[in-house]
C-alpha atoms as a PDB file:
ATOM      1  CA  UNK A   1     113.053 112.791 158.179  1.00  0.00           C
ATOM      2  CA  UNK A   2     112.543 109.076 158.915  1.00  0.00           C
ATOM      3  CA  UNK A   3     113.307 108.206 155.291  1.00  0.00           C
ATOM      4  CA  UNK A   4     116.536 110.238 155.399  1.00  0.00           C
ATOM      5  CA  UNK A   5     117.590 108.532 158.650  1.00  0.00           C
ATOM      6  CA  UNK A   6     116.801 105.153 157.100  1.00  0.00           C
ATOM      7  CA  UNK A   7     118.968 105.976 154.075  1.00  0.00           C
ATOM      8  CA  UNK A   8     121.872 107.006 156.298  1.00  0.00           C
ATOM      9  CA  UNK A   9     121.632 103.805 158.352  1.00  0.00           C
ATOM     10  CA  UNK A  10     121.394 101.733 155.170  1.00  0.00           C
ATOM     11  CA  UNK A  11     124.563 103.324 153.794  1.00  0.00           C
ATOM     12  CA  UNK A  12     126.367 102.717 157.079  1.00  0.00           C
ATOM     13  CA  UNK A  13     125.521  99.013 156.858  1.00  0.00           C
ATOM     14  CA  UNK A  14     126.730  98.867 153.255  1.00  0.00           C
ATOM     15  CA  UNK A  15     129.982 100.591 154.148  1.00  0.00           C
ATOM     16  CA  UNK A  16     130.484  98.138 157.008  1.00  0.00           C
ATOM     17  CA  UNK A  17     129.823  95.212 154.689  1.00  0.00           C
ATOM     18  CA  UNK A  18     132.463  96.250 152.182  1.00  0.00           C
ATOM     19  CA  UNK A  19     134.917  97.002 154.992  1.00  0.00           C
ATOM     20  CA  UNK A  20     134.299  93.540 156.450  1.00  0.00           C
ATOM     21  CA  UNK A  21     134.906  91.906 153.076  1.00  0.00           C
ATOM     22  CA  UNK A  22     138.142  93.824 152.623  1.00  0.00           C
ATOM     23  CA  UNK A  23     139.289  92.990 156.146  1.00  0.00           C
ATOM     24  CA  UNK A  24     138.260  89.366 156.560  1.00  0.00           C
ATOM     25  CA  UNK A  25     137.881  87.679 153.159  1.00  0.00           C
ATOM     26  CA  UNK A  26     140.653  85.233 152.275  1.00  0.00           C
ATOM     27  CA  UNK A  27     139.150  84.199 148.938  1.00  0.00           C
ATOM     28  CA  UNK A  28     138.523  87.330 146.866  1.00  0.00           C
ATOM     29  CA  UNK A  29     136.661  88.663 145.007  1.00  0.00           C
ATOM     30  CA  UNK A  30     133.495  88.112 147.030  1.00  0.00           C
ATOM     31  CA  UNK A  31     130.064  88.244 145.395  1.00  0.00           C
ATOM     32  CA  UNK A  32     127.171  89.625 147.449  1.00  0.00           C
ATOM     33  CA  UNK A  33     123.752  88.034 146.975  1.00  0.00           C
ATOM     34  CA  UNK A  34     120.666  89.898 148.215  1.00  0.00           C
ATOM     35  CA  UNK A  35     118.133  87.372 149.532  1.00  0.00           C
ATOM     36  CA  UNK A  36     114.716  88.861 148.798  1.00  0.00           C
ATOM     37  CA  UNK A  37     112.224  86.239 149.940  1.00  0.00           C
ATOM     38  CA  UNK A  38     108.926  87.839 151.024  1.00  0.00           C
ATOM     39  CA  UNK A  39     110.242  91.308 150.154  1.00  0.00           C
ATOM     40  CA  UNK A  40     108.374  93.768 147.964  1.00  0.00           C
ATOM     41  CA  UNK A  41     109.749  94.871 144.622  1.00  0.00           C
ATOM     42  CA  UNK A  42     109.815  98.505 145.753  1.00  0.00           C
ATOM     43  CA  UNK A  43     112.460  97.712 148.391  1.00  0.00           C
ATOM     44  CA  UNK A  44     114.329  95.487 145.963  1.00  0.00           C
ATOM     45  CA  UNK A  45     114.481  98.355 143.495  1.00  0.00           C
ATOM     46  CA  UNK A  46     116.075 100.590 146.137  1.00  0.00           C
ATOM     47  CA  UNK A  47     118.773  98.001 146.763  1.00  0.00           C
ATOM     48  CA  UNK A  48     119.270  97.507 143.033  1.00  0.00           C
ATOM     49  CA  UNK A  49     119.684 101.251 142.561  1.00  0.00           C
ATOM     50  CA  UNK A  50     122.338 101.165 145.289  1.00  0.00           C
ATOM     51  CA  UNK A  51     124.450  98.970 143.031  1.00  0.00           C
ATOM     52  CA  UNK A  52     123.539  95.403 143.998  1.00  0.00           C
ATOM     53  CA  UNK A  53     122.618  93.238 141.014  1.00  0.00           C
ATOM     54  CA  UNK A  54     122.545  89.659 142.330  1.00  0.00           C
ATOM     55  CA  UNK A  55     119.332  88.635 144.112  1.00  0.00           C
ATOM     56  CA  UNK A  56     118.028  85.310 145.422  1.00  0.00           C
ATOM     57  CA  UNK A  57     114.669  83.694 146.087  1.00  0.00           C
ATOM     58  CA  UNK A  58     113.770  80.447 147.817  1.00  0.00           C
ATOM     59  CA  UNK A  59     110.108  80.211 146.764  1.00  0.00           C
ATOM     60  CA  UNK A  60     109.513  79.538 143.044  1.00  0.00           C
ATOM     61  CA  UNK A  61     106.186  81.382 142.976  1.00  0.00           C
ATOM     62  CA  UNK A  62     107.925  84.557 144.145  1.00  0.00           C
ATOM     63  CA  UNK A  63     110.109  84.443 141.062  1.00  0.00           C
ATOM     64  CA  UNK A  64     106.938  84.216 139.007  1.00  0.00           C
ATOM     65  CA  UNK A  65     105.274  87.069 140.885  1.00  0.00           C
ATOM     66  CA  UNK A  66     108.334  89.333 140.565  1.00  0.00           C
ATOM     67  CA  UNK A  67     108.841  88.512 136.907  1.00  0.00           C
ATOM     68  CA  UNK A  68     109.036  92.139 135.771  1.00  0.00           C
ATOM     69  CA  UNK A  69     111.926  92.832 138.162  1.00  0.00           C
ATOM     70  CA  UNK A  70     113.765  89.636 137.282  1.00  0.00           C
ATOM     71  CA  UNK A  71     113.288  90.170 133.548  1.00  0.00           C
ATOM     72  CA  UNK A  72     115.822  92.996 133.786  1.00  0.00           C
ATOM     73  CA  UNK A  73     118.910  91.592 132.055  1.00  0.00           C
ATOM     74  CA  UNK A  74     121.141  93.478 134.483  1.00  0.00           C
ATOM     75  CA  UNK A  75     119.737  91.472 137.411  1.00  0.00           C
ATOM     76  CA  UNK A  76     121.231  88.100 138.226  1.00  0.00           C
ATOM     77  CA  UNK A  77     118.954  85.663 140.051  1.00  0.00           C
ATOM     78  CA  UNK A  78     119.870  82.699 142.217  1.00  0.00           C
ATOM     79  CA  UNK A  79     117.390  80.105 143.425  1.00  0.00           C
ATOM     80  CA  UNK A  80     118.268  78.928 146.943  1.00  0.00           C
ATOM     81  CA  UNK A  81     115.175  76.965 148.002  1.00  0.00           C
ATOM     82  CA  UNK A  82     114.059  73.362 147.990  1.00  0.00           C
ATOM     83  CA  UNK A  83     113.585  71.929 144.500  1.00  0.00           C
ATOM     84  CA  UNK A  84     110.045  70.803 143.678  1.00  0.00           C
ATOM     85  CA  UNK A  85     109.647  69.114 140.311  1.00  0.00           C
ATOM     86  CA  UNK A  86     106.324  70.781 139.531  1.00  0.00           C
ATOM     87  CA  UNK A  87     107.754  74.237 140.354  1.00  0.00           C
ATOM     88  CA  UNK A  88     110.878  74.143 138.180  1.00  0.00           C
ATOM     89  CA  UNK A  89     108.912  75.933 135.463  1.00  0.00           C
ATOM     90  CA  UNK A  90     108.795  79.050 137.660  1.00  0.00           C
ATOM     91  CA  UNK A  91     112.551  78.964 138.148  1.00  0.00           C
ATOM     92  CA  UNK A  92     113.403  78.458 134.489  1.00  0.00           C
ATOM     93  CA  UNK A  93     112.939  81.810 132.752  1.00  0.00           C
ATOM     94  CA  UNK A  94     115.142  84.185 134.720  1.00  0.00           C
ATOM     95  CA  UNK A  95     117.297  82.132 137.073  1.00  0.00           C
ATOM     96  CA  UNK A  96     121.030  82.166 136.352  1.00  0.00           C
ATOM     97  CA  UNK A  97     122.197  79.938 139.201  1.00  0.00           C
ATOM     98  CA  UNK A  98     120.492  77.199 141.214  1.00  0.00           C
ATOM     99  CA  UNK A  99     122.385  77.018 144.499  1.00  0.00           C
ATOM    100  CA  UNK A 100     120.346  74.287 146.180  1.00  0.00           C
ATOM    101  CA  UNK A 101     120.905  71.021 144.331  1.00  0.00           C
ATOM    102  CA  UNK A 102     120.779  68.738 147.349  1.00  0.00           C
ATOM    103  CA  UNK A 103     120.042  65.263 145.932  1.00  0.00           C
ATOM    104  CA  UNK A 104     120.644  63.213 142.806  1.00  0.00           C
ATOM    105  CA  UNK A 105     116.882  63.065 142.238  1.00  0.00           C
ATOM    106  CA  UNK A 106     116.679  66.854 142.198  1.00  0.00           C
ATOM    107  CA  UNK A 107     119.698  67.089 139.927  1.00  0.00           C
ATOM    108  CA  UNK A 108     118.060  64.660 137.520  1.00  0.00           C
ATOM    109  CA  UNK A 109     114.733  66.527 137.575  1.00  0.00           C
ATOM    110  CA  UNK A 110     116.370  69.882 136.869  1.00  0.00           C
ATOM    111  CA  UNK A 111     118.542  68.363 134.139  1.00  0.00           C
ATOM    112  CA  UNK A 112     115.491  66.775 132.455  1.00  0.00           C
ATOM    113  CA  UNK A 113     113.550  70.052 132.469  1.00  0.00           C
ATOM    114  CA  UNK A 114     116.430  72.070 131.053  1.00  0.00           C
ATOM    115  CA  UNK A 115     117.168  69.373 128.491  1.00  0.00           C
ATOM    116  CA  UNK A 116     113.591  69.615 127.195  1.00  0.00           C
ATOM    117  CA  UNK A 117     114.119  73.356 126.812  1.00  0.00           C
ATOM    118  CA  UNK A 118     117.641  72.993 125.388  1.00  0.00           C
ATOM    119  CA  UNK A 119     119.350  75.212 127.954  1.00  0.00           C
ATOM    120  CA  UNK A 120     122.249  74.625 130.322  1.00  0.00           C
ATOM    121  CA  UNK A 121     121.937  75.932 133.897  1.00  0.00           C
ATOM    122  CA  UNK A 122     124.717  76.705 136.382  1.00  0.00           C
ATOM    123  CA  UNK A 123     124.306  74.946 139.718  1.00  0.00           C
ATOM    124  CA  UNK A 124     125.899  74.591 143.131  1.00  0.00           C
ATOM    125  CA  UNK A 125     125.902  71.398 145.156  1.00  0.00           C
ATOM    126  CA  UNK A 126     124.447  71.960 148.618  1.00  0.00           C
ATOM    127  CA  UNK A 127     126.531  70.390 151.378  1.00  0.00           C
ATOM    128  CA  UNK A 128     124.927  69.346 154.652  1.00  0.00           C
ATOM    129  CA  UNK A 129     127.113  70.651 157.459  1.00  0.00           C
ATOM    130  CA  UNK A 130     124.917  69.971 160.496  1.00  0.00           C
ATOM    131  CA  UNK A 131     122.573  67.287 161.815  1.00  0.00           C
ATOM    132  CA  UNK A 132     119.577  69.638 161.981  1.00  0.00           C
ATOM    133  CA  UNK A 133     116.527  67.984 160.396  1.00  0.00           C
ATOM    134  CA  UNK A 134     115.603  71.244 158.662  1.00  0.00           C
ATOM    135  CA  UNK A 135     118.915  71.336 156.780  1.00  0.00           C
ATOM    136  CA  UNK A 136     119.264  69.680 153.400  1.00  0.00           C
ATOM    137  CA  UNK A 137     122.264  68.701 151.350  1.00  0.00           C
ATOM    138  CA  UNK A 138     124.715  66.004 150.385  1.00  0.00           C
ATOM    139  CA  UNK A 139     126.643  64.327 153.162  1.00  0.00           C
ATOM    140  CA  UNK A 140     130.271  65.432 153.201  1.00  0.00           C
ATOM    141  CA  UNK A 141     131.644  61.901 152.984  1.00  0.00           C
ATOM    142  CA  UNK A 142     129.955  61.164 149.631  1.00  0.00           C
ATOM    143  CA  UNK A 143     130.392  64.486 147.865  1.00  0.00           C
ATOM    144  CA  UNK A 144     133.206  63.302 145.583  1.00  0.00           C
ATOM    145  CA  UNK A 145     131.092  60.403 144.365  1.00  0.00           C
ATOM    146  CA  UNK A 146     128.096  62.709 143.902  1.00  0.00           C
ATOM    147  CA  UNK A 147     130.184  65.212 141.971  1.00  0.00           C
ATOM    148  CA  UNK A 148     131.289  62.532 139.510  1.00  0.00           C
ATOM    149  CA  UNK A 149     127.695  61.453 138.918  1.00  0.00           C
ATOM    150  CA  UNK A 150     126.303  64.956 138.472  1.00  0.00           C
ATOM    151  CA  UNK A 151     129.055  65.825 135.992  1.00  0.00           C
ATOM    152  CA  UNK A 152     127.370  63.313 133.693  1.00  0.00           C
ATOM    153  CA  UNK A 153     124.238  65.458 133.440  1.00  0.00           C
ATOM    154  CA  UNK A 154     124.754  67.379 130.200  1.00  0.00           C
ATOM    155  CA  UNK A 155     122.487  70.323 131.025  1.00  0.00           C
ATOM    156  CA  UNK A 156     123.914  71.065 134.467  1.00  0.00           C
ATOM    157  CA  UNK A 157     127.180  72.938 134.902  1.00  0.00           C
ATOM    158  CA  UNK A 158     128.551  72.545 138.420  1.00  0.00           C
ATOM    159  CA  UNK A 159     130.088  75.883 139.412  1.00  0.00           C
ATOM    160  CA  UNK A 160     130.789  75.126 143.059  1.00  0.00           C
ATOM    161  CA  UNK A 161     129.201  74.326 146.399  1.00  0.00           C
ATOM    162  CA  UNK A 162     126.870  75.948 148.915  1.00  0.00           C
ATOM    163  CA  UNK A 163     126.130  75.361 152.571  1.00  0.00           C
ATOM    164  CA  UNK A 164     123.947  76.800 155.322  1.00  0.00           C
ATOM    165  CA  UNK A 165     125.802  77.152 158.602  1.00  0.00           C
ATOM    166  CA  UNK A 166     124.590  75.461 161.791  1.00  0.00           C
ATOM    167  CA  UNK A 167     121.911  77.312 163.743  1.00  0.00           C
ATOM    168  CA  UNK A 168     123.934  77.964 166.870  1.00  0.00           C
ATOM    169  CA  UNK A 169     125.584  80.796 168.754  1.00  0.00           C
ATOM    170  CA  UNK A 170     128.689  78.666 169.182  1.00  0.00           C
ATOM    171  CA  UNK A 171     131.130  80.309 166.779  1.00  0.00           C
ATOM    172  CA  UNK A 172     133.580  77.401 166.989  1.00  0.00           C
ATOM    173  CA  UNK A 173     130.956  74.991 165.632  1.00  0.00           C
ATOM    174  CA  UNK A 174     130.062  77.385 162.817  1.00  0.00           C
ATOM    175  CA  UNK A 175     133.715  77.956 161.973  1.00  0.00           C
ATOM    176  CA  UNK A 176     134.432  74.214 161.884  1.00  0.00           C
ATOM    177  CA  UNK A 177     131.560  73.653 159.439  1.00  0.00           C
ATOM    178  CA  UNK A 178     132.790  76.425 157.125  1.00  0.00           C
ATOM    179  CA  UNK A 179     136.406  75.274 157.336  1.00  0.00           C
ATOM    180  CA  UNK A 180     135.411  71.725 156.363  1.00  0.00           C
ATOM    181  CA  UNK A 181     133.274  73.040 153.495  1.00  0.00           C
ATOM    182  CA  UNK A 182     136.205  75.068 152.175  1.00  0.00           C
ATOM    183  CA  UNK A 183     138.384  71.947 152.255  1.00  0.00           C
ATOM    184  CA  UNK A 184     135.751  70.156 150.158  1.00  0.00           C
ATOM    185  CA  UNK A 185     135.703  73.107 147.762  1.00  0.00           C
ATOM    186  CA  UNK A 186     139.481  73.066 147.308  1.00  0.00           C
ATOM    187  CA  UNK A 187     139.516  69.326 146.638  1.00  0.00           C
ATOM    188  CA  UNK A 188     136.709  69.452 144.080  1.00  0.00           C
ATOM    189  CA  UNK A 189     138.194  72.509 142.393  1.00  0.00           C
ATOM    190  CA  UNK A 190     141.163  70.354 141.390  1.00  0.00           C
ATOM    191  CA  UNK A 191     138.765  68.198 139.358  1.00  0.00           C
ATOM    192  CA  UNK A 192     137.002  70.889 137.321  1.00  0.00           C
ATOM    193  CA  UNK A 193     137.990  74.161 135.643  1.00  0.00           C
ATOM    194  CA  UNK A 194     134.372  75.376 136.065  1.00  0.00           C
ATOM    195  CA  UNK A 195     134.514  75.061 139.847  1.00  0.00           C
ATOM    196  CA  UNK A 196     134.774  78.596 141.236  1.00  0.00           C
ATOM    197  CA  UNK A 197     131.990  79.400 143.731  1.00  0.00           C
ATOM    198  CA  UNK A 198     131.803  78.623 147.433  1.00  0.00           C
ATOM    199  CA  UNK A 199     128.564  80.130 148.715  1.00  0.00           C
ATOM    200  CA  UNK A 200     128.407  80.255 152.495  1.00  0.00           C
ATOM    201  CA  UNK A 201     127.605  82.867 155.087  1.00  0.00           C
ATOM    202  CA  UNK A 202     124.439  84.787 155.889  1.00  0.00           C
ATOM    203  CA  UNK A 203     123.622  87.830 158.014  1.00  0.00           C
ATOM    204  CA  UNK A 204     124.583  86.248 161.357  1.00  0.00           C
ATOM    205  CA  UNK A 205     127.732  84.423 160.261  1.00  0.00           C
ATOM    206  CA  UNK A 206     129.110  86.001 157.087  1.00  0.00           C
ATOM    207  CA  UNK A 207     132.303  87.235 158.768  1.00  0.00           C
ATOM    208  CA  UNK A 208     133.124  83.694 159.935  1.00  0.00           C
ATOM    209  CA  UNK A 209     132.399  82.483 156.406  1.00  0.00           C
ATOM    210  CA  UNK A 210     134.685  85.119 154.847  1.00  0.00           C
ATOM    211  CA  UNK A 211     137.507  84.089 157.169  1.00  0.00           C
ATOM    212  CA  UNK A 212     137.070  80.488 156.051  1.00  0.00           C
ATOM    213  CA  UNK A 213     137.096  80.900 152.292  1.00  0.00           C
ATOM    214  CA  UNK A 214     133.624  81.971 151.191  1.00  0.00           C
ATOM    215  CA  UNK A 215     133.532  83.999 147.971  1.00  0.00           C
ATOM    216  CA  UNK A 216     129.747  84.372 147.861  1.00  0.00           C
ATOM    217  CA  UNK A 217     127.646  85.518 150.818  1.00  0.00           C
ATOM    218  CA  UNK A 218     123.838  85.499 150.948  1.00  0.00           C
ATOM    219  CA  UNK A 219     122.381  88.395 152.945  1.00  0.00           C
ATOM    220  CA  UNK A 220     118.705  89.169 153.455  1.00  0.00           C
ATOM    221  CA  UNK A 221     117.916  90.731 156.797  1.00  0.00           C
ATOM    222  CA  UNK A 222     121.195  92.658 156.610  1.00  0.00           C
ATOM    223  CA  UNK A 223     119.787  94.718 153.723  1.00  0.00           C
ATOM    224  CA  UNK A 224     116.119  94.938 154.634  1.00  0.00           C
ATOM    225  CA  UNK A 225     116.159  95.805 158.337  1.00  0.00           C
ATOM    226  CA  UNK A 226     114.793  99.339 158.621  1.00  0.00           C
ATOM    227  CA  UNK A 227     114.583  99.841 154.856  1.00  0.00           C
END
């Protein structure tokens, strides 16, 4: 009985999610990324069977430990965590998109690793949109210069930008950060035909992100609560 109730509640959340995307998104289509950090493969399989194919991890060792799941060619994997040079090897095999390139040093390290293995990797540039010390990313005022430099790395293909919204209940502050990020996205898109992804919005703020141009939202708790 509890499992049936859980399934019904899960489907209600999914229905709401798609309704929200249809209602609020100004930059369609929108790709949904299931953030699965510290989640067991059994729950991930349930979400996969529900039709969601794009997952994300922020700890390289979790990609290693869930290798069987991520070896499924139908699963797309994003890495959204901090880049550590000695952990890139865990990211390499199954990751399709690295969303968290937040410094030139990290870009260079990832490029060098992929160059040694003769493979090009899609990346997003992480933009810093708040002054919180826990937030990483490129400062907004230098992103054009950074973009030009990273385009020179032959084994990185810049597909867009990513940001993590400010940790605040003030919706106006969150909206301002997403609006400014979308303006950056539109300006950089003029410079590259490969530029197509703006990844912003999580469980608490995805509707604000959709209203301000996001076409990729990263949801974890939204899927796993009560599952």
